[in-house]
Amino acid sequence: MELNYILHKYLNGEATADEIDKLKSSPEYASYMKIAEATSGFEAPNFNAEANFELINSKRIVQKEVRRMRPFSAFLRIAAVLAVVLVGYLYLNSLDTTVSTQIAQKETFLLPDASEVVLNASSEIVFNKKNWKKDRRLTLNGEAYFKVTKGNSFSVETTQGVVTVLGTQFNVFSRDSIFNVNCFEGLVSVAFNDTLVKLPAGNKLKIENGSLVVHTTSNALAPTWITDESHFENASFNIVLNELKRQYPISVTAINVNLNKRFTGSFTHKDINLALKSICDPLDLQFTVTEGEVNIYAKEGN
């Protein structure tokens, strides 16, 4: 303890000659000197009370200013989160619902207002489920049968015309240049090429290339295709073959056959051989079926 006291005085230039001799004779002296030499270059920082006060005060001001900015920063973070949520909400609302069918497939589903839709093979319907109450319309490519809930209305848009309905049952066919509408219950309006036709129950119309071809009555209560049978009235054989290929996973080659021949009749969706016989016999045609490949040609002697 005494040596520490003497060392303190020695390092500060206050030790007497006797104290210095006593320190040098101690075994710890060599270690003390190494420490003293290592710390000889150290200087205590100058301390200016006034300058130090200004420094501390300026830090307080900066800290206060930072604290004042924190609520605004928090607001910006909240605003950014809300913006992301809003964009996500708008994006989800803009998404359309698509219902489509493949070859030999039919699909039954409900619209947001509980109206029932039966979609025929190789067809597609697109609508916005989230925005249905404000925008009650859908687009159709192919064929569909609609049973609309009483009191509800919407529009069916196709590339060839628009069908607007109110509590009714109807069928729409829209493929290539053919646009057929058949009303089974209630009333529908059909708009095409600046023409508007009111179609009551028991009426149907056929439009080809934008022109009205047939407007007749019908006693049918529903389209036959929903019970697995396709029906045609004075249709070209080419249209019949196209529908056959939608109902069966087949390829069809017509050899020396007039595809513009007219056909009236039906074919089943459940037996390919029976279906082919139904459409070929009335036109004096014959056919072969080999692993999904169908060849149709005229009977010998015709």
C-alpha atoms as a PDB file:
ATOM      1  CA  MET A   1       0.000   0.000   0.000  1.00  0.00           C
ATOM      2  CA  GLU A   2       2.900   2.361   0.907  1.00  0.00           C
ATOM      3  CA  LEU A   3       4.663   1.639  -2.367  1.00  0.00           C
ATOM      4  CA  ASN A   4       1.518   2.626  -4.285  1.00  0.00           C
ATOM      5  CA  TYR A   5       1.455   5.924  -2.427  1.00  0.00           C
ATOM      6  CA  ILE A   6       5.132   6.575  -3.136  1.00  0.00           C
ATOM      7  CA  LEU A   7       4.604   5.627  -6.805  1.00  0.00           C
ATOM      8  CA  HIS A   8       1.748   8.091  -7.053  1.00  0.00           C
ATOM      9  CA  LYS A   9       3.954  10.867  -5.678  1.00  0.00           C
ATOM     10  CA  TYR A  10       6.827   9.802  -7.966  1.00  0.00           C
ATOM     11  CA  LEU A  11       4.700   9.900 -11.112  1.00  0.00           C
ATOM     12  CA  ASN A  12       3.456  13.350 -10.178  1.00  0.00           C
ATOM     13  CA  GLY A  13       6.962  14.674  -9.297  1.00  0.00           C
ATOM     14  CA  GLU A  14       6.234  14.948  -5.549  1.00  0.00           C
ATOM     15  CA  ALA A  15       8.373  12.101  -4.106  1.00  0.00           C
ATOM     16  CA  THR A  16      11.367  12.852  -1.793  1.00  0.00           C
ATOM     17  CA  ALA A  17      14.876  11.456  -2.377  1.00  0.00           C
ATOM     18  CA  ASP A  18      14.408   8.827   0.347  1.00  0.00           C
ATOM     19  CA  GLU A  19      11.053   7.762  -1.141  1.00  0.00           C
ATOM     20  CA  ILE A  20      12.636   7.475  -4.595  1.00  0.00           C
ATOM     21  CA  ASP A  21      15.473   5.299  -3.211  1.00  0.00           C
ATOM     22  CA  LYS A  22      12.946   3.109  -1.425  1.00  0.00           C
ATOM     23  CA  LEU A  23      10.894   2.747  -4.606  1.00  0.00           C
ATOM     24  CA  LYS A  24      13.922   1.821  -6.725  1.00  0.00           C
ATOM     25  CA  SER A  25      14.972  -0.841  -4.223  1.00  0.00           C
ATOM     26  CA  SER A  26      11.560  -2.558  -4.383  1.00  0.00           C
ATOM     27  CA  PRO A  27      11.066  -5.646  -6.643  1.00  0.00           C
ATOM     28  CA  GLU A  28       8.005  -3.995  -8.275  1.00  0.00           C
ATOM     29  CA  TYR A  29      10.029  -1.001  -9.526  1.00  0.00           C
ATOM     30  CA  ALA A  30      10.832  -2.457 -12.950  1.00  0.00           C
ATOM     31  CA  SER A  31       7.152  -3.148 -13.656  1.00  0.00           C
ATOM     32  CA  TYR A  32       6.171   0.313 -12.492  1.00  0.00           C
ATOM     33  CA  MET A  33       8.656   1.905 -14.859  1.00  0.00           C
ATOM     34  CA  LYS A  34       7.319  -0.027 -17.856  1.00  0.00           C
ATOM     35  CA  ILE A  35       3.826   1.211 -17.090  1.00  0.00           C
ATOM     36  CA  ALA A  36       5.081   4.743 -16.582  1.00  0.00           C
ATOM     37  CA  GLU A  37       6.900   4.725 -19.938  1.00  0.00           C
ATOM     38  CA  ALA A  38       3.819   3.320 -21.746  1.00  0.00           C
ATOM     39  CA  THR A  39       1.558   6.016 -20.361  1.00  0.00           C
ATOM     40  CA  SER A  40       3.971   8.913 -20.594  1.00  0.00           C
ATOM     41  CA  GLY A  41       2.431  10.019 -23.906  1.00  0.00           C
ATOM     42  CA  PHE A  42      -1.111  10.177 -22.558  1.00  0.00           C
ATOM     43  CA  GLU A  43      -2.604  13.595 -22.003  1.00  0.00           C
ATOM     44  CA  ALA A  44      -5.806  14.441 -20.262  1.00  0.00           C
ATOM     45  CA  PRO A  45      -8.242  16.245 -22.519  1.00  0.00           C
ATOM     46  CA  ASN A  46      -8.649  19.947 -22.012  1.00  0.00           C
ATOM     47  CA  PHE A  47     -11.938  20.669 -20.326  1.00  0.00           C
ATOM     48  CA  ASN A  48     -13.757  23.891 -21.123  1.00  0.00           C
ATOM     49  CA  ALA A  49     -16.893  24.130 -19.024  1.00  0.00           C
ATOM     50  CA  GLU A  50     -18.593  26.718 -21.251  1.00  0.00           C
ATOM     51  CA  ALA A  51     -17.842  24.869 -24.473  1.00  0.00           C
ATOM     52  CA  ASN A  52     -18.894  21.582 -22.926  1.00  0.00           C
ATOM     53  CA  PHE A  53     -22.218  23.104 -21.841  1.00  0.00           C
ATOM     54  CA  GLU A  54     -22.876  24.339 -25.376  1.00  0.00           C
ATOM     55  CA  LEU A  55     -22.124  20.862 -26.754  1.00  0.00           C
ATOM     56  CA  ILE A  56     -24.473  19.149 -24.318  1.00  0.00           C
ATOM     57  CA  ASN A  57     -27.174  21.726 -24.973  1.00  0.00           C
ATOM     58  CA  SER A  58     -26.887  21.301 -28.758  1.00  0.00           C
ATOM     59  CA  LYS A  59     -27.298  17.538 -28.361  1.00  0.00           C
ATOM     60  CA  ARG A  60     -30.436  18.093 -26.367  1.00  0.00           C
ATOM     61  CA  ILE A  61     -31.803  20.333 -29.106  1.00  0.00           C
ATOM     62  CA  VAL A  62     -31.047  17.718 -31.768  1.00  0.00           C
ATOM     63  CA  GLN A  63     -32.648  15.034 -29.650  1.00  0.00           C
ATOM     64  CA  LYS A  64     -35.722  17.180 -29.186  1.00  0.00           C
ATOM     65  CA  GLU A  65     -35.904  17.790 -32.915  1.00  0.00           C
ATOM     66  CA  VAL A  66     -35.619  14.063 -33.608  1.00  0.00           C
ATOM     67  CA  ARG A  67     -38.362  13.320 -31.149  1.00  0.00           C
ATOM     68  CA  ARG A  68     -40.585  15.850 -32.843  1.00  0.00           C
ATOM     69  CA  MET A  69     -40.071  14.082 -36.180  1.00  0.00           C
ATOM     70  CA  ARG A  70     -40.953  10.626 -34.886  1.00  0.00           C
ATOM     71  CA  PRO A  71     -44.752  11.084 -35.064  1.00  0.00           C
ATOM     72  CA  PHE A  72     -44.444  12.189 -38.687  1.00  0.00           C
ATOM     73  CA  SER A  73     -42.211   9.222 -39.481  1.00  0.00           C
ATOM     74  CA  ALA A  74     -44.773   6.942 -37.885  1.00  0.00           C
ATOM     75  CA  PHE A  75     -47.463   8.598 -39.970  1.00  0.00           C
ATOM     76  CA  LEU A  76     -45.455   7.941 -43.123  1.00  0.00           C
ATOM     77  CA  ARG A  77     -45.046   4.298 -42.186  1.00  0.00           C
ATOM     78  CA  ILE A  78     -48.781   3.946 -41.539  1.00  0.00           C
ATOM     79  CA  ALA A  79     -49.579   5.717 -44.803  1.00  0.00           C
ATOM     80  CA  ALA A  80     -47.263   3.368 -46.688  1.00  0.00           C
ATOM     81  CA  VAL A  81     -48.925   0.326 -45.158  1.00  0.00           C
ATOM     82  CA  LEU A  82     -52.381   1.687 -45.976  1.00  0.00           C
ATOM     83  CA  ALA A  83     -51.292   2.376 -49.542  1.00  0.00           C
ATOM     84  CA  VAL A  84     -50.112  -1.217 -49.939  1.00  0.00           C
ATOM     85  CA  VAL A  85     -53.385  -2.505 -48.492  1.00  0.00           C
ATOM     86  CA  LEU A  86     -55.406  -0.244 -50.799  1.00  0.00           C
ATOM     87  CA  VAL A  87     -53.467  -1.299 -53.884  1.00  0.00           C
ATOM     88  CA  GLY A  88     -53.902  -4.934 -52.902  1.00  0.00           C
ATOM     89  CA  TYR A  89     -57.634  -4.440 -52.385  1.00  0.00           C
ATOM     90  CA  LEU A  90     -58.066  -2.721 -55.740  1.00  0.00           C
ATOM     91  CA  TYR A  91     -55.992  -5.408 -57.430  1.00  0.00           C
ATOM     92  CA  LEU A  92     -58.078  -8.214 -55.942  1.00  0.00           C
ATOM     93  CA  ASN A  93     -61.287  -6.429 -56.939  1.00  0.00           C
ATOM     94  CA  SER A  94     -60.029  -6.136 -60.502  1.00  0.00           C
ATOM     95  CA  LEU A  95     -59.391  -9.869 -60.811  1.00  0.00           C
ATOM     96  CA  ASP A  96     -61.868 -11.729 -63.016  1.00  0.00           C
ATOM     97  CA  THR A  97     -63.277 -15.173 -62.385  1.00  0.00           C
ATOM     98  CA  THR A  98     -62.948 -17.514 -65.350  1.00  0.00           C
ATOM     99  CA  VAL A  99     -64.901 -20.738 -65.761  1.00  0.00           C
ATOM    100  CA  SER A 100     -63.930 -22.874 -68.741  1.00  0.00           C
ATOM    101  CA  THR A 101     -64.562 -26.375 -70.030  1.00  0.00           C
ATOM    102  CA  GLN A 102     -62.527 -28.798 -72.092  1.00  0.00           C
ATOM    103  CA  ILE A 103     -63.580 -31.186 -74.855  1.00  0.00           C
ATOM    104  CA  ALA A 104     -66.392 -33.535 -73.740  1.00  0.00           C
ATOM    105  CA  GLN A 105     -66.841 -31.572 -70.502  1.00  0.00           C
ATOM    106  CA  LYS A 106     -69.795 -29.613 -69.111  1.00  0.00           C
ATOM    107  CA  GLU A 107     -69.739 -27.432 -66.022  1.00  0.00           C
ATOM    108  CA  THR A 108     -72.562 -26.166 -63.799  1.00  0.00           C
ATOM    109  CA  PHE A 109     -71.917 -23.257 -61.430  1.00  0.00           C
ATOM    110  CA  LEU A 110     -73.635 -20.321 -59.716  1.00  0.00           C
ATOM    111  CA  LEU A 111     -73.140 -16.628 -60.339  1.00  0.00           C
ATOM    112  CA  PRO A 112     -72.838 -14.289 -57.303  1.00  0.00           C
ATOM    113  CA  ASP A 113     -76.634 -13.647 -57.411  1.00  0.00           C
ATOM    114  CA  ALA A 114     -77.302 -17.430 -57.291  1.00  0.00           C
ATOM    115  CA  SER A 115     -78.263 -17.602 -60.975  1.00  0.00           C
ATOM    116  CA  GLU A 116     -77.333 -20.992 -62.415  1.00  0.00           C
ATOM    117  CA  VAL A 117     -75.127 -21.445 -65.463  1.00  0.00           C
ATOM    118  CA  VAL A 118     -74.492 -24.654 -67.398  1.00  0.00           C
ATOM    119  CA  LEU A 119     -71.437 -24.324 -69.629  1.00  0.00           C
ATOM    120  CA  ASN A 120     -71.180 -26.534 -72.705  1.00  0.00           C
ATOM    121  CA  ALA A 121     -67.972 -28.217 -73.871  1.00  0.00           C
ATOM    122  CA  SER A 122     -65.015 -26.082 -75.040  1.00  0.00           C
ATOM    123  CA  SER A 123     -66.595 -22.883 -73.714  1.00  0.00           C
ATOM    124  CA  GLU A 124     -65.564 -20.071 -71.387  1.00  0.00           C
ATOM    125  CA  ILE A 125     -67.281 -17.486 -69.193  1.00  0.00           C
ATOM    126  CA  VAL A 126     -65.521 -14.565 -67.495  1.00  0.00           C
ATOM    127  CA  PHE A 127     -67.017 -12.287 -64.828  1.00  0.00           C
ATOM    128  CA  ASN A 128     -65.966 -10.178 -61.833  1.00  0.00           C
ATOM    129  CA  LYS A 129     -67.249 -11.773 -58.645  1.00  0.00           C
ATOM    130  CA  LYS A 130     -66.120  -8.961 -56.314  1.00  0.00           C
ATOM    131  CA  ASN A 131     -67.747  -6.206 -58.368  1.00  0.00           C
ATOM    132  CA  TRP A 132     -70.854  -8.141 -59.448  1.00  0.00           C
ATOM    133  CA  LYS A 133     -73.385  -5.898 -57.656  1.00  0.00           C
ATOM    134  CA  LYS A 134     -72.097  -2.840 -59.520  1.00  0.00           C
ATOM    135  CA  ASP A 135     -71.178  -4.470 -62.817  1.00  0.00           C
ATOM    136  CA  ARG A 136     -73.576  -7.316 -63.582  1.00  0.00           C
ATOM    137  CA  ARG A 137     -72.158  -8.574 -66.831  1.00  0.00           C
ATOM    138  CA  LEU A 138     -70.156 -11.505 -68.106  1.00  0.00           C
ATOM    139  CA  THR A 139     -68.460 -12.486 -71.326  1.00  0.00           C
ATOM    140  CA  LEU A 140     -69.127 -15.761 -73.108  1.00  0.00           C
ATOM    141  CA  ASN A 141     -67.128 -17.618 -75.696  1.00  0.00           C
ATOM    142  CA  GLY A 142     -68.958 -20.783 -76.699  1.00  0.00           C
ATOM    143  CA  GLU A 143     -72.344 -21.953 -75.425  1.00  0.00           C
ATOM    144  CA  ALA A 144     -74.130 -21.681 -72.083  1.00  0.00           C
ATOM    145  CA  TYR A 145     -77.590 -22.150 -70.603  1.00  0.00           C
ATOM    146  CA  PHE A 146     -78.720 -19.655 -67.960  1.00  0.00           C
ATOM    147  CA  LYS A 147     -81.352 -19.912 -65.229  1.00  0.00           C
ATOM    148  CA  VAL A 148     -81.552 -16.396 -63.869  1.00  0.00           C
ATOM    149  CA  THR A 149     -82.806 -15.804 -60.317  1.00  0.00           C
ATOM    150  CA  LYS A 150     -86.117 -13.950 -60.261  1.00  0.00           C
ATOM    151  CA  GLY A 151     -85.696 -10.200 -60.005  1.00  0.00           C
ATOM    152  CA  ASN A 152     -82.041 -10.263 -61.019  1.00  0.00           C
ATOM    153  CA  SER A 153     -80.657  -9.038 -64.293  1.00  0.00           C
ATOM    154  CA  PHE A 154     -77.330  -9.088 -66.064  1.00  0.00           C
ATOM    155  CA  SER A 155     -75.831  -8.979 -69.524  1.00  0.00           C
ATOM    156  CA  VAL A 156     -74.096 -11.686 -71.508  1.00  0.00           C
ATOM    157  CA  GLU A 157     -71.493 -10.193 -73.830  1.00  0.00           C
ATOM    158  CA  THR A 158     -70.160 -12.043 -76.867  1.00  0.00           C
ATOM    159  CA  THR A 159     -68.056 -10.948 -79.808  1.00  0.00           C
ATOM    160  CA  GLN A 160     -71.211 -10.870 -81.949  1.00  0.00           C
ATOM    161  CA  GLY A 161     -73.832  -9.364 -79.674  1.00  0.00           C
ATOM    162  CA  VAL A 162     -75.138  -8.711 -76.167  1.00  0.00           C
ATOM    163  CA  VAL A 163     -78.032 -10.471 -74.435  1.00  0.00           C
ATOM    164  CA  THR A 164     -79.673  -8.646 -71.508  1.00  0.00           C
ATOM    165  CA  VAL A 165     -81.962 -10.597 -69.203  1.00  0.00           C
ATOM    166  CA  LEU A 166     -84.326 -10.268 -66.227  1.00  0.00           C
ATOM    167  CA  GLY A 167     -85.436 -13.370 -64.314  1.00  0.00           C
ATOM    168  CA  THR A 168     -85.427 -15.784 -67.224  1.00  0.00           C
ATOM    169  CA  GLN A 169     -84.048 -18.999 -68.716  1.00  0.00           C
ATOM    170  CA  PHE A 170     -82.215 -18.831 -72.011  1.00  0.00           C
ATOM    171  CA  ASN A 171     -79.419 -20.314 -74.092  1.00  0.00           C
ATOM    172  CA  VAL A 172     -76.650 -18.440 -75.909  1.00  0.00           C
ATOM    173  CA  PHE A 173     -74.402 -19.921 -78.594  1.00  0.00           C
ATOM    174  CA  SER A 174     -71.552 -17.773 -79.911  1.00  0.00           C
ATOM    175  CA  ARG A 175     -68.835 -19.376 -82.027  1.00  0.00           C
ATOM    176  CA  ASP A 176     -67.058 -18.081 -85.102  1.00  0.00           C
ATOM    177  CA  SER A 177     -69.698 -16.236 -87.186  1.00  0.00           C
ATOM    178  CA  ILE A 178     -72.739 -17.938 -85.578  1.00  0.00           C
ATOM    179  CA  PHE A 179     -74.771 -16.279 -82.805  1.00  0.00           C
ATOM    180  CA  ASN A 180     -77.892 -18.115 -81.569  1.00  0.00           C
ATOM    181  CA  VAL A 181     -80.207 -17.098 -78.714  1.00  0.00           C
ATOM    182  CA  ASN A 182     -83.123 -19.188 -77.457  1.00  0.00           C
ATOM    183  CA  CYS A 183     -85.448 -17.868 -74.715  1.00  0.00           C
ATOM    184  CA  PHE A 184     -87.272 -20.529 -72.678  1.00  0.00           C
ATOM    185  CA  GLU A 185     -88.798 -18.343 -69.974  1.00  0.00           C
ATOM    186  CA  GLY A 186     -89.274 -14.610 -69.364  1.00  0.00           C
ATOM    187  CA  LEU A 187     -87.852 -12.057 -71.772  1.00  0.00           C
ATOM    188  CA  VAL A 188     -84.424 -11.232 -73.160  1.00  0.00           C
ATOM    189  CA  SER A 189     -83.193  -8.438 -75.381  1.00  0.00           C
ATOM    190  CA  VAL A 190     -80.560  -9.162 -78.002  1.00  0.00           C
ATOM    191  CA  ALA A 191     -78.373  -6.357 -79.347  1.00  0.00           C
ATOM    192  CA  PHE A 192     -76.215  -6.839 -82.440  1.00  0.00           C
ATOM    193  CA  ASN A 193     -74.947  -4.498 -85.160  1.00  0.00           C
ATOM    194  CA  ASP A 194     -77.071  -1.534 -83.993  1.00  0.00           C
ATOM    195  CA  THR A 195     -80.158  -3.782 -83.933  1.00  0.00           C
ATOM    196  CA  LEU A 196     -82.208  -4.609 -80.827  1.00  0.00           C
ATOM    197  CA  VAL A 197     -84.593  -7.584 -80.752  1.00  0.00           C
ATOM    198  CA  LYS A 198     -86.937  -8.379 -77.843  1.00  0.00           C
ATOM    199  CA  LEU A 199     -87.142 -12.145 -77.510  1.00  0.00           C
ATOM    200  CA  PRO A 200     -89.990 -13.544 -75.330  1.00  0.00           C
ATOM    201  CA  ALA A 201     -90.272 -17.116 -74.058  1.00  0.00           C
ATOM    202  CA  GLY A 202     -90.714 -19.701 -76.815  1.00  0.00           C
ATOM    203  CA  ASN A 203     -88.733 -17.685 -79.357  1.00  0.00           C
ATOM    204  CA  LYS A 204     -85.285 -18.088 -80.800  1.00  0.00           C
ATOM    205  CA  LEU A 205     -83.127 -16.334 -83.329  1.00  0.00           C
ATOM    206  CA  LYS A 206     -80.079 -17.161 -85.381  1.00  0.00           C
ATOM    207  CA  ILE A 207     -77.552 -14.583 -86.519  1.00  0.00           C
ATOM    208  CA  GLU A 208     -74.794 -15.287 -89.029  1.00  0.00           C
ATOM    209  CA  ASN A 209     -72.061 -12.796 -89.888  1.00  0.00           C
ATOM    210  CA  GLY A 210     -73.958 -10.063 -88.052  1.00  0.00           C
ATOM    211  CA  SER A 211     -77.226 -10.538 -89.973  1.00  0.00           C
ATOM    212  CA  LEU A 212     -80.485 -11.996 -88.670  1.00  0.00           C
ATOM    213  CA  VAL A 213     -81.144 -15.269 -90.496  1.00  0.00           C
ATOM    214  CA  VAL A 214     -83.972 -16.911 -88.549  1.00  0.00           C
ATOM    215  CA  HIS A 215     -86.435 -15.715 -85.921  1.00  0.00           C
ATOM    216  CA  THR A 216     -88.813 -18.550 -85.049  1.00  0.00           C
ATOM    217  CA  THR A 217     -90.782 -20.059 -82.200  1.00  0.00           C
ATOM    218  CA  SER A 218     -89.792 -23.125 -80.195  1.00  0.00           C
ATOM    219  CA  ASN A 219     -91.674 -25.474 -77.881  1.00  0.00           C
ATOM    220  CA  ALA A 220     -88.539 -26.700 -76.127  1.00  0.00           C
ATOM    221  CA  LEU A 221     -88.304 -26.177 -72.366  1.00  0.00           C
ATOM    222  CA  ALA A 222     -84.486 -26.303 -72.277  1.00  0.00           C
ATOM    223  CA  PRO A 223     -81.593 -26.886 -74.691  1.00  0.00           C
ATOM    224  CA  THR A 224     -81.037 -30.550 -75.546  1.00  0.00           C
ATOM    225  CA  TRP A 225     -77.278 -30.421 -74.977  1.00  0.00           C
ATOM    226  CA  ILE A 226     -77.705 -30.230 -71.186  1.00  0.00           C
ATOM    227  CA  THR A 227     -79.117 -33.771 -71.425  1.00  0.00           C
ATOM    228  CA  ASP A 228     -76.158 -34.902 -73.561  1.00  0.00           C
ATOM    229  CA  GLU A 229     -77.619 -34.442 -77.021  1.00  0.00           C
ATOM    230  CA  SER A 230     -76.752 -31.822 -79.637  1.00  0.00           C
ATOM    231  CA  HIS A 231     -79.578 -30.752 -81.944  1.00  0.00           C
ATOM    232  CA  PHE A 232     -79.336 -28.911 -85.275  1.00  0.00           C
ATOM    233  CA  GLU A 233     -81.819 -27.319 -87.634  1.00  0.00           C
ATOM    234  CA  ASN A 234     -80.678 -26.709 -91.206  1.00  0.00           C
ATOM    235  CA  ALA A 235     -77.056 -26.373 -90.104  1.00  0.00           C
ATOM    236  CA  SER A 236     -74.068 -26.868 -92.379  1.00  0.00           C
ATOM    237  CA  PHE A 237     -72.316 -30.209 -91.976  1.00  0.00           C
ATOM    238  CA  ASN A 238     -69.139 -28.336 -91.054  1.00  0.00           C
ATOM    239  CA  ILE A 239     -70.870 -26.826 -87.989  1.00  0.00           C
ATOM    240  CA  VAL A 240     -72.113 -30.288 -87.004  1.00  0.00           C
ATOM    241  CA  LEU A 241     -68.605 -31.759 -87.238  1.00  0.00           C
ATOM    242  CA  ASN A 242     -67.140 -28.920 -85.167  1.00  0.00           C
ATOM    243  CA  GLU A 243     -69.663 -29.601 -82.405  1.00  0.00           C
ATOM    244  CA  LEU A 244     -68.930 -33.330 -82.612  1.00  0.00           C
ATOM    245  CA  LYS A 245     -65.241 -32.598 -81.970  1.00  0.00           C
ATOM    246  CA  ARG A 246     -66.170 -30.569 -78.888  1.00  0.00           C
ATOM    247  CA  GLN A 247     -68.149 -33.426 -77.393  1.00  0.00           C
ATOM    248  CA  TYR A 248     -65.653 -36.191 -78.198  1.00  0.00           C
ATOM    249  CA  PRO A 249     -61.821 -36.210 -78.021  1.00  0.00           C
ATOM    250  CA  ILE A 250     -61.416 -37.105 -81.694  1.00  0.00           C
ATOM    251  CA  SER A 251     -59.912 -35.817 -84.910  1.00  0.00           C
ATOM    252  CA  VAL A 252     -62.140 -35.823 -87.992  1.00  0.00           C
ATOM    253  CA  THR A 253     -61.114 -36.006 -91.635  1.00  0.00           C
ATOM    254  CA  ALA A 254     -63.816 -35.491 -94.262  1.00  0.00           C
ATOM    255  CA  ILE A 255     -62.792 -37.037 -97.595  1.00  0.00           C
ATOM    256  CA  ASN A 256     -64.588 -35.747-100.688  1.00  0.00           C
ATOM    257  CA  VAL A 257     -67.484 -34.529 -98.547  1.00  0.00           C
ATOM    258  CA  ASN A 258     -69.415 -31.334 -99.190  1.00  0.00           C
ATOM    259  CA  LEU A 259     -69.148 -29.570 -95.824  1.00  0.00           C
ATOM    260  CA  ASN A 260     -71.834 -27.064 -96.839  1.00  0.00           C
ATOM    261  CA  LYS A 261     -74.511 -29.759 -96.940  1.00  0.00           C
ATOM    262  CA  ARG A 262     -77.400 -28.913 -94.618  1.00  0.00           C
ATOM    263  CA  PHE A 263     -78.240 -31.148 -91.698  1.00  0.00           C
ATOM    264  CA  THR A 264     -81.275 -31.333 -89.395  1.00  0.00           C
ATOM    265  CA  GLY A 265     -81.113 -33.821 -86.563  1.00  0.00           C
ATOM    266  CA  SER A 266     -79.259 -34.745 -83.364  1.00  0.00           C
ATOM    267  CA  PHE A 267     -76.368 -36.781 -82.029  1.00  0.00           C
ATOM    268  CA  THR A 268     -75.682 -38.216 -78.577  1.00  0.00           C
ATOM    269  CA  HIS A 269     -72.707 -37.270 -76.398  1.00  0.00           C
ATOM    270  CA  LYS A 270     -72.356 -40.767 -74.928  1.00  0.00           C
ATOM    271  CA  ASP A 271     -71.567 -43.063 -77.860  1.00  0.00           C
ATOM    272  CA  ILE A 272     -69.265 -41.948 -80.676  1.00  0.00           C
ATOM    273  CA  ASN A 273     -70.350 -44.679 -83.092  1.00  0.00           C
ATOM    274  CA  LEU A 274     -74.027 -43.922 -82.569  1.00  0.00           C
ATOM    275  CA  ALA A 275     -73.336 -40.198 -82.900  1.00  0.00           C
ATOM    276  CA  LEU A 276     -71.516 -40.688 -86.210  1.00  0.00           C
ATOM    277  CA  LYS A 277     -74.265 -42.922 -87.544  1.00  0.00           C
ATOM    278  CA  SER A 278     -76.848 -40.252 -86.612  1.00  0.00           C
ATOM    279  CA  ILE A 279     -75.142 -37.546 -88.652  1.00  0.00           C
ATOM    280  CA  CYS A 280     -73.790 -39.645 -91.537  1.00  0.00           C
ATOM    281  CA  ASP A 281     -76.763 -41.816 -92.512  1.00  0.00           C
ATOM    282  CA  PRO A 282     -79.108 -38.908 -93.378  1.00  0.00           C
ATOM    283  CA  LEU A 283     -76.458 -37.537 -95.767  1.00  0.00           C
ATOM    284  CA  ASP A 284     -75.498 -40.899 -97.323  1.00  0.00           C
ATOM    285  CA  LEU A 285     -72.052 -40.821 -95.771  1.00  0.00           C
ATOM    286  CA  GLN A 286     -70.003 -43.571 -94.186  1.00  0.00           C
ATOM    287  CA  PHE A 287     -67.282 -43.464 -91.552  1.00  0.00           C
ATOM    288  CA  THR A 288     -64.484 -45.358 -89.838  1.00  0.00           C
ATOM    289  CA  VAL A 289     -63.136 -44.884 -86.320  1.00  0.00           C
ATOM    290  CA  THR A 290     -59.585 -45.918 -85.389  1.00  0.00           C
ATOM    291  CA  GLU A 291     -58.136 -44.915 -82.010  1.00  0.00           C
ATOM    292  CA  GLY A 292     -59.777 -41.506 -81.934  1.00  0.00           C
ATOM    293  CA  GLU A 293     -59.274 -40.789 -85.636  1.00  0.00           C
ATOM    294  CA  VAL A 294     -62.497 -40.514 -87.636  1.00  0.00           C
ATOM    295  CA  ASN A 295     -62.668 -40.622 -91.436  1.00  0.00           C
ATOM    296  CA  ILE A 296     -65.919 -39.631 -93.135  1.00  0.00           C
ATOM    297  CA  TYR A 297     -66.495 -40.156 -96.853  1.00  0.00           C
ATOM    298  CA  ALA A 298     -69.302 -40.661 -99.350  1.00  0.00           C
ATOM    299  CA  LYS A 299     -70.855 -44.080 -99.729  1.00  0.00           C
ATOM    300  CA  GLU A 300     -69.832 -45.996-102.825  1.00  0.00           C
ATOM    301  CA  GLY A 301     -71.978 -45.185-105.828  1.00  0.00           C
ATOM    302  CA  ASN A 302     -72.810 -41.648-104.586  1.00  0.00           C
END
